[in-house]
Amino acid sequence: MRRTLEPGDILLIEGNQKISAAIKYLTQSTWSHAAFYVGDALPEPEDGSERRRLIEVTLGDSCIAVRCRAIAATTPASAVRVAWLRMTAKRSSRS
């Protein structure tokens, strides 16, 4: 998936944990969570670990940067469905 993503993409996640069900019910949405893909914008970790490429907000940690694998590692594949939105802005030229 990382090869397909571009900086600025928003990942929409459908979880099936209890908190996810509550969020989906209250917001009347299919999605319970979102993450922002920043690509290589964050510095390379000094310990040689994988670069953090996603920005997300969690109940316990607030706003954090995470590795792409973090979402898959913390939630079973059967419990999550991921989609992404690509936002493109058209710039108008002023004459």
N, C-alpha and C. Protein backbone atom coordinates (compact mmCIF):
# COMPACT_ATOMS: atom_id res chain seq x y z
N MET A 1 0.82 -1.19 0.00
CA MET A 1 0.00 0.00 0.00
C MET A 1 0.87 1.25 0.00
N ARG A 2 2.01 1.22 0.68
CA ARG A 2 2.84 2.42 0.78
C ARG A 2 3.32 2.89 -0.59
N ARG A 3 3.51 1.96 -1.52
CA ARG A 3 3.96 2.35 -2.87
C ARG A 3 2.89 3.14 -3.61
N THR A 4 1.64 2.96 -3.22
CA THR A 4 0.53 3.64 -3.87
C THR A 4 0.24 5.00 -3.25
N LEU A 5 0.51 5.14 -1.96
CA LEU A 5 0.19 6.37 -1.24
C LEU A 5 1.10 7.52 -1.67
N GLU A 6 0.54 8.72 -1.60
CA GLU A 6 1.29 9.95 -1.86
C GLU A 6 1.13 10.86 -0.65
N PRO A 7 2.15 11.67 -0.34
CA PRO A 7 2.00 12.61 0.78
C PRO A 7 0.72 13.44 0.62
N GLY A 8 0.00 13.56 1.71
CA GLY A 8 -1.26 14.29 1.70
C GLY A 8 -2.47 13.39 1.63
N ASP A 9 -2.27 12.10 1.34
CA ASP A 9 -3.40 11.17 1.30
C ASP A 9 -3.94 10.95 2.71
N ILE A 10 -5.23 10.73 2.79
CA ILE A 10 -5.90 10.46 4.06
C ILE A 10 -6.37 9.02 4.04
N LEU A 11 -5.95 8.24 5.02
CA LEU A 11 -6.39 6.85 5.13
C LEU A 11 -7.61 6.81 6.02
N LEU A 12 -8.67 6.18 5.55
CA LEU A 12 -9.89 6.00 6.33
C LEU A 12 -9.93 4.55 6.78
N ILE A 13 -10.17 4.34 8.07
CA ILE A 13 -10.07 3.02 8.66
C ILE A 13 -11.40 2.64 9.31
N GLU A 14 -11.87 1.43 9.00
CA GLU A 14 -13.08 0.91 9.62
C GLU A 14 -12.67 -0.17 10.61
N GLY A 15 -12.64 0.17 11.88
CA GLY A 15 -12.29 -0.79 12.89
C GLY A 15 -13.53 -1.50 13.42
N ASN A 16 -13.35 -2.60 14.16
CA ASN A 16 -14.52 -3.25 14.75
C ASN A 16 -14.36 -3.47 16.25
N GLN A 17 -13.58 -2.60 16.90
CA GLN A 17 -13.48 -2.64 18.35
C GLN A 17 -14.70 -1.92 18.92
N LYS A 18 -14.92 -2.04 20.23
CA LYS A 18 -16.09 -1.39 20.84
C LYS A 18 -16.09 0.12 20.61
N ILE A 19 -14.93 0.76 20.79
CA ILE A 19 -14.87 2.21 20.60
C ILE A 19 -15.13 2.57 19.14
N SER A 20 -14.69 1.72 18.22
CA SER A 20 -14.93 1.96 16.79
C SER A 20 -16.42 1.92 16.49
N ALA A 21 -17.12 0.95 17.07
CA ALA A 21 -18.56 0.84 16.86
C ALA A 21 -19.28 2.08 17.38
N ALA A 22 -18.86 2.58 18.53
CA ALA A 22 -19.47 3.79 19.09
C ALA A 22 -19.22 5.00 18.20
N ILE A 23 -18.00 5.14 17.71
CA ILE A 23 -17.67 6.28 16.83
C ILE A 23 -18.50 6.21 15.55
N LYS A 24 -18.58 5.01 14.95
CA LYS A 24 -19.35 4.87 13.71
C LYS A 24 -20.83 5.15 13.94
N TYR A 25 -21.38 4.73 15.08
CA TYR A 25 -22.78 4.99 15.39
C TYR A 25 -23.04 6.48 15.58
N LEU A 26 -22.21 7.11 16.39
CA LEU A 26 -22.42 8.53 16.70
C LEU A 26 -22.20 9.44 15.50
N THR A 27 -21.27 9.06 14.61
CA THR A 27 -20.99 9.91 13.45
C THR A 27 -21.75 9.47 12.20
N GLN A 28 -22.47 8.34 12.31
CA GLN A 28 -23.20 7.78 11.17
C GLN A 28 -22.28 7.59 9.97
N SER A 29 -21.11 7.03 10.23
CA SER A 29 -20.09 6.85 9.21
C SER A 29 -19.66 5.40 9.14
N THR A 30 -19.14 5.00 8.00
CA THR A 30 -18.54 3.69 7.83
C THR A 30 -17.19 3.63 8.52
N TRP A 31 -16.54 4.78 8.65
CA TRP A 31 -15.15 4.85 9.12
C TRP A 31 -15.11 5.29 10.58
N SER A 32 -14.19 4.71 11.33
CA SER A 32 -14.07 5.06 12.74
C SER A 32 -12.78 5.80 13.05
N HIS A 33 -11.86 5.85 12.09
CA HIS A 33 -10.54 6.42 12.36
C HIS A 33 -9.96 6.93 11.05
N ALA A 34 -9.05 7.87 11.15
CA ALA A 34 -8.36 8.38 9.97
C ALA A 34 -6.90 8.64 10.32
N ALA A 35 -6.05 8.56 9.32
CA ALA A 35 -4.63 8.87 9.47
C ALA A 35 -4.19 9.67 8.25
N PHE A 36 -3.22 10.53 8.43
CA PHE A 36 -2.71 11.41 7.38
C PHE A 36 -1.33 10.91 6.97
N TYR A 37 -1.14 10.61 5.69
CA TYR A 37 0.14 10.10 5.19
C TYR A 37 1.06 11.26 4.84
N VAL A 38 2.24 11.31 5.48
CA VAL A 38 3.18 12.41 5.23
C VAL A 38 4.40 11.98 4.43
N GLY A 39 4.47 10.71 4.08
CA GLY A 39 5.60 10.23 3.28
C GLY A 39 6.92 10.38 4.01
N ASP A 40 7.92 10.98 3.35
CA ASP A 40 9.26 11.13 3.92
C ASP A 40 9.47 12.48 4.63
N ALA A 41 8.39 13.16 5.00
CA ALA A 41 8.51 14.49 5.60
C ALA A 41 9.15 14.47 6.99
N LEU A 42 8.98 13.39 7.72
CA LEU A 42 9.57 13.31 9.06
C LEU A 42 10.98 12.76 8.98
N PRO A 43 11.84 13.12 9.93
CA PRO A 43 13.24 12.67 9.87
C PRO A 43 13.38 11.16 10.05
N GLU A 44 14.44 10.64 9.50
CA GLU A 44 14.81 9.23 9.64
C GLU A 44 15.17 8.98 11.11
N PRO A 45 14.64 7.93 11.74
CA PRO A 45 14.99 7.65 13.15
C PRO A 45 16.48 7.35 13.31
N GLU A 46 17.08 7.84 14.37
CA GLU A 46 18.50 7.62 14.63
C GLU A 46 18.83 6.16 14.91
N ASP A 47 17.84 5.40 15.42
CA ASP A 47 18.11 4.00 15.76
C ASP A 47 17.99 3.05 14.57
N GLY A 48 17.72 3.60 13.37
CA GLY A 48 17.64 2.79 12.16
C GLY A 48 16.31 2.09 11.96
N SER A 49 15.34 2.34 12.83
CA SER A 49 14.03 1.72 12.68
C SER A 49 13.26 2.36 11.52
N GLU A 50 12.13 1.80 11.21
CA GLU A 50 11.32 2.29 10.09
C GLU A 50 10.86 3.73 10.34
N ARG A 51 10.92 4.55 9.32
CA ARG A 51 10.49 5.95 9.41
C ARG A 51 8.98 6.03 9.68
N ARG A 52 8.59 6.96 10.49
CA ARG A 52 7.18 7.20 10.77
C ARG A 52 6.61 8.02 9.62
N ARG A 53 5.53 7.53 9.02
CA ARG A 53 4.98 8.17 7.83
C ARG A 53 3.51 8.55 7.97
N LEU A 54 2.89 8.22 9.09
CA LEU A 54 1.48 8.52 9.31
C LEU A 54 1.31 9.41 10.53
N ILE A 55 0.37 10.32 10.46
CA ILE A 55 -0.01 11.14 11.60
C ILE A 55 -1.43 10.73 11.97
N GLU A 56 -1.65 10.41 13.23
CA GLU A 56 -2.98 10.04 13.68
C GLU A 56 -3.22 10.57 15.08
N VAL A 57 -4.47 10.55 15.48
CA VAL A 57 -4.86 10.97 16.83
C VAL A 57 -5.48 9.77 17.52
N THR A 58 -5.01 9.48 18.72
CA THR A 58 -5.55 8.35 19.49
C THR A 58 -6.07 8.86 20.83
N LEU A 59 -6.92 8.06 21.45
CA LEU A 59 -7.47 8.45 22.75
C LEU A 59 -6.39 8.58 23.81
N GLY A 60 -5.43 7.66 23.83
CA GLY A 60 -4.42 7.67 24.88
C GLY A 60 -3.25 8.59 24.63
N ASP A 61 -2.83 8.72 23.38
CA ASP A 61 -1.59 9.44 23.08
C ASP A 61 -1.76 10.80 22.42
N SER A 62 -2.97 11.17 22.08
CA SER A 62 -3.24 12.43 21.40
C SER A 62 -2.72 12.35 19.96
N CYS A 63 -2.04 13.36 19.47
CA CYS A 63 -1.57 13.40 18.08
C CYS A 63 -0.15 12.83 18.02
N ILE A 64 0.02 11.76 17.24
CA ILE A 64 1.32 11.08 17.18
C ILE A 64 1.67 10.72 15.74
N ALA A 65 2.95 10.49 15.51
CA ALA A 65 3.43 9.96 14.24
C ALA A 65 3.67 8.46 14.42
N VAL A 66 3.20 7.66 13.47
CA VAL A 66 3.34 6.21 13.58
C VAL A 66 3.90 5.63 12.28
N ARG A 67 4.40 4.43 12.38
CA ARG A 67 4.88 3.70 11.21
C ARG A 67 3.69 3.15 10.43
N CYS A 68 3.84 2.95 9.15
CA CYS A 68 2.76 2.39 8.34
C CYS A 68 2.32 1.03 8.85
N ARG A 69 3.28 0.25 9.32
CA ARG A 69 2.95 -1.09 9.83
C ARG A 69 2.17 -1.04 11.14
N ALA A 70 2.19 0.07 11.82
CA ALA A 70 1.58 0.15 13.15
C ALA A 70 0.08 -0.14 13.11
N ILE A 71 -0.61 0.33 12.12
CA ILE A 71 -2.05 0.09 12.04
C ILE A 71 -2.31 -1.39 11.85
N ALA A 72 -1.59 -2.03 10.94
CA ALA A 72 -1.78 -3.46 10.70
C ALA A 72 -1.34 -4.29 11.90
N ALA A 73 -0.29 -3.87 12.59
CA ALA A 73 0.24 -4.65 13.71
C ALA A 73 -0.66 -4.61 14.93
N THR A 74 -1.37 -3.51 15.13
CA THR A 74 -2.19 -3.38 16.34
C THR A 74 -3.62 -3.84 16.15
N THR A 75 -4.03 -4.06 14.91
CA THR A 75 -5.40 -4.48 14.65
C THR A 75 -5.39 -5.64 13.67
N PRO A 76 -6.07 -6.73 13.97
CA PRO A 76 -6.09 -7.85 13.03
C PRO A 76 -6.65 -7.42 11.68
N ALA A 77 -6.13 -8.01 10.61
CA ALA A 77 -6.56 -7.64 9.26
C ALA A 77 -8.07 -7.79 9.08
N SER A 78 -8.67 -8.78 9.73
CA SER A 78 -10.11 -8.98 9.61
C SER A 78 -10.91 -7.89 10.31
N ALA A 79 -10.26 -7.11 11.17
CA ALA A 79 -10.97 -6.09 11.94
C ALA A 79 -10.86 -4.71 11.33
N VAL A 80 -10.13 -4.60 10.24
CA VAL A 80 -9.90 -3.28 9.68
C VAL A 80 -10.08 -3.30 8.17
N ARG A 81 -10.70 -2.29 7.66
CA ARG A 81 -10.77 -2.09 6.22
C ARG A 81 -10.23 -0.69 5.99
N VAL A 82 -9.28 -0.56 5.11
CA VAL A 82 -8.63 0.72 4.89
C VAL A 82 -8.92 1.21 3.48
N ALA A 83 -9.23 2.46 3.36
CA ALA A 83 -9.37 3.12 2.06
C ALA A 83 -8.59 4.41 2.14
N TRP A 84 -8.37 5.05 1.04
CA TRP A 84 -7.72 6.34 1.14
C TRP A 84 -8.31 7.31 0.16
N LEU A 85 -8.21 8.55 0.52
CA LEU A 85 -8.69 9.66 -0.30
C LEU A 85 -7.49 10.46 -0.75
N ARG A 86 -7.48 10.81 -1.99
CA ARG A 86 -6.42 11.67 -2.49
C ARG A 86 -7.04 13.05 -2.72
N MET A 87 -6.49 14.00 -2.02
CA MET A 87 -6.99 15.36 -2.15
C MET A 87 -6.08 16.13 -3.09
N THR A 88 -6.63 16.66 -4.14
CA THR A 88 -5.84 17.45 -5.05
C THR A 88 -6.47 18.84 -5.16
N ALA A 89 -5.66 19.82 -5.07
CA ALA A 89 -6.14 21.19 -5.17
C ALA A 89 -5.75 21.75 -6.53
N LYS A 90 -6.72 22.29 -7.22
CA LYS A 90 -6.42 22.94 -8.49
C LYS A 90 -6.09 24.39 -8.22
N ARG A 91 -4.99 24.82 -8.77
CA ARG A 91 -4.59 26.21 -8.58
C ARG A 91 -5.03 27.00 -9.79
N SER A 92 -5.66 28.09 -9.51
CA SER A 92 -6.10 28.93 -10.62
C SER A 92 -5.03 29.99 -10.85
N SER A 93 -4.79 30.27 -12.10
CA SER A 93 -3.81 31.32 -12.42
C SER A 93 -4.54 32.64 -12.53
N ARG A 94 -3.95 33.64 -11.94
CA ARG A 94 -4.55 34.98 -11.99
C ARG A 94 -3.86 35.79 -13.06
N SER A 95 -4.66 36.40 -13.88
CA SER A 95 -4.09 37.20 -14.96
C SER A 95 -4.04 38.65 -14.59
